[in-house]
Amino acid sequence: MSDLTTTVTQYLALWNETDADKRAAGIAELFAPDAPYIDPLAAVEGHEGFGAVVAGAQDQFKGLSFELHGTVDTHHNLARFQWGLVTEPGAEPVAIGFDVLVTGDDGRIKGVYGFLDKVPGA
């Protein structure tokens, strides 16, 4: 497993961490302080901004979890990967997204840029 694949695994685990203090500590460890998170629904910067997006998603999708779909494609300091929002491990995702994660020389995330491929019905 490459370092970037490990970073992606840790990143997805943050989306599933329901303890706010543990999540904040994980974000502080994994992300550069001013890292942007940008997707079609949010554009935030920094630890608190990303933490708020995750908390909002957890509130909106209670009981669901994010899981990696497929493999992580990496080169240099870039990783691209697809994720699914599922009701249980291996279930058909209710949402699917595609993220590009960029790391700095220190290995911390310095930006995440997301796309939504499948969104839940209204």
C-alpha atoms as a PDB file:
ATOM      1  CA  MET A   1       0.000   0.000   0.000  1.00  0.00           C
ATOM      2  CA  SER A   2       1.489   3.330  -1.031  1.00  0.00           C
ATOM      3  CA  ASP A   3       1.670   6.257   1.364  1.00  0.00           C
ATOM      4  CA  LEU A   4      -1.003   8.013  -0.697  1.00  0.00           C
ATOM      5  CA  THR A   5      -3.299   4.993  -0.492  1.00  0.00           C
ATOM      6  CA  THR A   6      -2.856   5.090   3.281  1.00  0.00           C
ATOM      7  CA  THR A   7      -3.662   8.808   3.241  1.00  0.00           C
ATOM      8  CA  VAL A   8      -6.850   8.134   1.252  1.00  0.00           C
ATOM      9  CA  THR A   9      -7.844   5.407   3.729  1.00  0.00           C
ATOM     10  CA  GLN A  10      -7.291   7.809   6.640  1.00  0.00           C
ATOM     11  CA  TYR A  11      -9.204  10.545   4.811  1.00  0.00           C
ATOM     12  CA  LEU A  12     -12.241   8.310   4.283  1.00  0.00           C
ATOM     13  CA  ALA A  13     -12.058   7.203   7.921  1.00  0.00           C
ATOM     14  CA  LEU A  14     -12.476  10.860   8.931  1.00  0.00           C
ATOM     15  CA  TRP A  15     -15.796  10.962   7.066  1.00  0.00           C
ATOM     16  CA  ASN A  16     -16.920   7.982   9.172  1.00  0.00           C
ATOM     17  CA  GLU A  17     -15.612   9.198  12.549  1.00  0.00           C
ATOM     18  CA  THR A  18     -18.645  10.194  14.633  1.00  0.00           C
ATOM     19  CA  ASP A  19     -16.720  11.406  17.682  1.00  0.00           C
ATOM     20  CA  ALA A  20     -16.206  15.133  17.009  1.00  0.00           C
ATOM     21  CA  ASP A  21     -13.039  15.387  19.129  1.00  0.00           C
ATOM     22  CA  LYS A  22     -11.409  12.362  17.492  1.00  0.00           C
ATOM     23  CA  ARG A  23     -12.427  13.667  14.069  1.00  0.00           C
ATOM     24  CA  ALA A  24     -10.943  17.111  14.792  1.00  0.00           C
ATOM     25  CA  ALA A  25      -7.685  15.528  15.988  1.00  0.00           C
ATOM     26  CA  GLY A  26      -7.532  13.376  12.851  1.00  0.00           C
ATOM     27  CA  ILE A  27      -8.176  16.365  10.611  1.00  0.00           C
ATOM     28  CA  ALA A  28      -5.425  18.350  12.364  1.00  0.00           C
ATOM     29  CA  GLU A  29      -3.004  15.475  11.855  1.00  0.00           C
ATOM     30  CA  LEU A  30      -3.893  14.685   8.243  1.00  0.00           C
ATOM     31  CA  PHE A  31      -4.577  18.142   6.733  1.00  0.00           C
ATOM     32  CA  ALA A  32      -2.425  21.223   6.274  1.00  0.00           C
ATOM     33  CA  PRO A  33      -4.017  24.109   8.241  1.00  0.00           C
ATOM     34  CA  ASP A  34      -5.208  26.027   5.166  1.00  0.00           C
ATOM     35  CA  ALA A  35      -6.131  23.078   2.921  1.00  0.00           C
ATOM     36  CA  PRO A  36      -9.214  23.646   0.763  1.00  0.00           C
ATOM     37  CA  TYR A  37     -11.984  21.110   0.344  1.00  0.00           C
ATOM     38  CA  ILE A  38     -14.035  21.807  -2.779  1.00  0.00           C
ATOM     39  CA  ASP A  39     -16.892  19.800  -4.254  1.00  0.00           C
ATOM     40  CA  PRO A  40     -20.170  20.728  -5.982  1.00  0.00           C
ATOM     41  CA  LEU A  41     -21.864  21.311  -2.611  1.00  0.00           C
ATOM     42  CA  ALA A  42     -19.103  22.965  -0.588  1.00  0.00           C
ATOM     43  CA  ALA A  43     -16.027  25.136  -0.873  1.00  0.00           C
ATOM     44  CA  VAL A  44     -14.261  25.533   2.458  1.00  0.00           C
ATOM     45  CA  GLU A  45     -10.768  26.039   3.739  1.00  0.00           C
ATOM     46  CA  GLY A  46      -8.966  24.839   6.839  1.00  0.00           C
ATOM     47  CA  HIS A  47      -9.584  22.309   9.558  1.00  0.00           C
ATOM     48  CA  GLU A  48     -12.792  23.857  10.886  1.00  0.00           C
ATOM     49  CA  GLY A  49     -14.272  24.239   7.411  1.00  0.00           C
ATOM     50  CA  PHE A  50     -13.652  20.625   6.468  1.00  0.00           C
ATOM     51  CA  GLY A  51     -14.836  19.442   9.883  1.00  0.00           C
ATOM     52  CA  ALA A  52     -18.110  21.328   9.396  1.00  0.00           C
ATOM     53  CA  VAL A  53     -18.668  19.709   5.984  1.00  0.00           C
ATOM     54  CA  VAL A  54     -18.116  16.233   7.449  1.00  0.00           C
ATOM     55  CA  ALA A  55     -20.408  16.958  10.422  1.00  0.00           C
ATOM     56  CA  GLY A  56     -23.103  18.189   8.032  1.00  0.00           C
ATOM     57  CA  ALA A  57     -22.843  15.071   5.876  1.00  0.00           C
ATOM     58  CA  GLN A  58     -23.047  12.850   8.935  1.00  0.00           C
ATOM     59  CA  ASP A  59     -26.137  14.709  10.117  1.00  0.00           C
ATOM     60  CA  GLN A  60     -27.772  14.453   6.694  1.00  0.00           C
ATOM     61  CA  PHE A  61     -26.865  10.787   6.127  1.00  0.00           C
ATOM     62  CA  LYS A  62     -27.142   9.281   9.631  1.00  0.00           C
ATOM     63  CA  GLY A  63     -26.076   5.661   9.796  1.00  0.00           C
ATOM     64  CA  LEU A  64     -24.400   5.633   6.389  1.00  0.00           C
ATOM     65  CA  SER A  65     -20.666   5.340   5.822  1.00  0.00           C
ATOM     66  CA  PHE A  66     -18.130   6.148   3.155  1.00  0.00           C
ATOM     67  CA  GLU A  67     -16.073   3.370   1.613  1.00  0.00           C
ATOM     68  CA  LEU A  68     -13.428   3.192  -1.082  1.00  0.00           C
ATOM     69  CA  HIS A  69     -14.650   1.827  -4.417  1.00  0.00           C
ATOM     70  CA  GLY A  70     -11.950   0.350  -6.592  1.00  0.00           C
ATOM     71  CA  THR A  71      -8.310   1.205  -6.269  1.00  0.00           C
ATOM     72  CA  VAL A  72      -6.477   4.433  -5.594  1.00  0.00           C
ATOM     73  CA  ASP A  73      -4.622   5.799  -8.614  1.00  0.00           C
ATOM     74  CA  THR A  74      -1.533   7.763  -7.589  1.00  0.00           C
ATOM     75  CA  HIS A  75       1.453   9.587  -8.979  1.00  0.00           C
ATOM     76  CA  HIS A  76       3.754  12.183  -7.500  1.00  0.00           C
ATOM     77  CA  ASN A  77       1.731  13.853  -4.726  1.00  0.00           C
ATOM     78  CA  LEU A  78      -1.700  13.165  -6.272  1.00  0.00           C
ATOM     79  CA  ALA A  79      -4.325  10.509  -5.610  1.00  0.00           C
ATOM     80  CA  ARG A  80      -7.624   9.996  -7.374  1.00  0.00           C
ATOM     81  CA  PHE A  81     -10.231   7.566  -6.138  1.00  0.00           C
ATOM     82  CA  GLN A  82     -13.912   6.760  -6.143  1.00  0.00           C
ATOM     83  CA  TRP A  83     -15.953   6.390  -2.977  1.00  0.00           C
ATOM     84  CA  GLY A  84     -19.449   5.227  -2.186  1.00  0.00           C
ATOM     85  CA  LEU A  85     -21.859   6.198   0.576  1.00  0.00           C
ATOM     86  CA  VAL A  86     -23.372   2.930   1.788  1.00  0.00           C
ATOM     87  CA  THR A  87     -25.894   1.627   4.304  1.00  0.00           C
ATOM     88  CA  GLU A  88     -23.588  -1.283   5.146  1.00  0.00           C
ATOM     89  CA  PRO A  89     -20.220  -2.528   3.866  1.00  0.00           C
ATOM     90  CA  GLY A  90     -20.429  -3.711   0.285  1.00  0.00           C
ATOM     91  CA  ALA A  91     -24.007  -2.470  -0.232  1.00  0.00           C
ATOM     92  CA  GLU A  92     -25.100  -0.607  -3.344  1.00  0.00           C
ATOM     93  CA  PRO A  93     -24.037   3.028  -2.763  1.00  0.00           C
ATOM     94  CA  VAL A  94     -26.734   5.665  -2.394  1.00  0.00           C
ATOM     95  CA  ALA A  95     -24.139   8.209  -3.522  1.00  0.00           C
ATOM     96  CA  ILE A  96     -20.896   7.875  -5.464  1.00  0.00           C
ATOM     97  CA  GLY A  97     -18.142  10.414  -5.778  1.00  0.00           C
ATOM     98  CA  PHE A  98     -14.716  10.861  -7.274  1.00  0.00           C
ATOM     99  CA  ASP A  99     -12.062  12.821  -5.370  1.00  0.00           C
ATOM    100  CA  VAL A 100      -8.594  14.090  -6.166  1.00  0.00           C
ATOM    101  CA  LEU A 101      -6.383  14.534  -3.141  1.00  0.00           C
ATOM    102  CA  VAL A 102      -3.136  16.533  -3.201  1.00  0.00           C
ATOM    103  CA  THR A 103      -0.449  16.236  -0.551  1.00  0.00           C
ATOM    104  CA  GLY A 104       2.451  18.468   0.358  1.00  0.00           C
ATOM    105  CA  ASP A 105       6.072  17.513   0.849  1.00  0.00           C
ATOM    106  CA  ASP A 106       5.289  16.674   4.482  1.00  0.00           C
ATOM    107  CA  GLY A 107       2.653  14.127   3.385  1.00  0.00           C
ATOM    108  CA  ARG A 108      -0.273  16.130   4.745  1.00  0.00           C
ATOM    109  CA  ILE A 109      -3.282  16.865   2.584  1.00  0.00           C
ATOM    110  CA  LYS A 110      -3.052  20.301   1.025  1.00  0.00           C
ATOM    111  CA  GLY A 111      -6.259  20.068  -1.005  1.00  0.00           C
ATOM    112  CA  VAL A 112      -9.200  17.821  -1.879  1.00  0.00           C
ATOM    113  CA  TYR A 113     -11.271  18.357  -5.017  1.00  0.00           C
ATOM    114  CA  GLY A 114     -14.415  16.284  -5.335  1.00  0.00           C
ATOM    115  CA  PHE A 115     -17.000  15.402  -7.950  1.00  0.00           C
ATOM    116  CA  LEU A 116     -20.374  13.714  -7.499  1.00  0.00           C
ATOM    117  CA  ASP A 117     -21.188  10.884  -9.905  1.00  0.00           C
ATOM    118  CA  LYS A 118     -24.402   9.698  -8.252  1.00  0.00           C
ATOM    119  CA  VAL A 119     -26.519  11.625  -5.752  1.00  0.00           C
ATOM    120  CA  PRO A 120     -29.422  10.360  -3.650  1.00  0.00           C
ATOM    121  CA  GLY A 121     -32.907  10.990  -5.034  1.00  0.00           C
ATOM    122  CA  ALA A 122     -34.917  13.818  -3.516  1.00  0.00           C
END
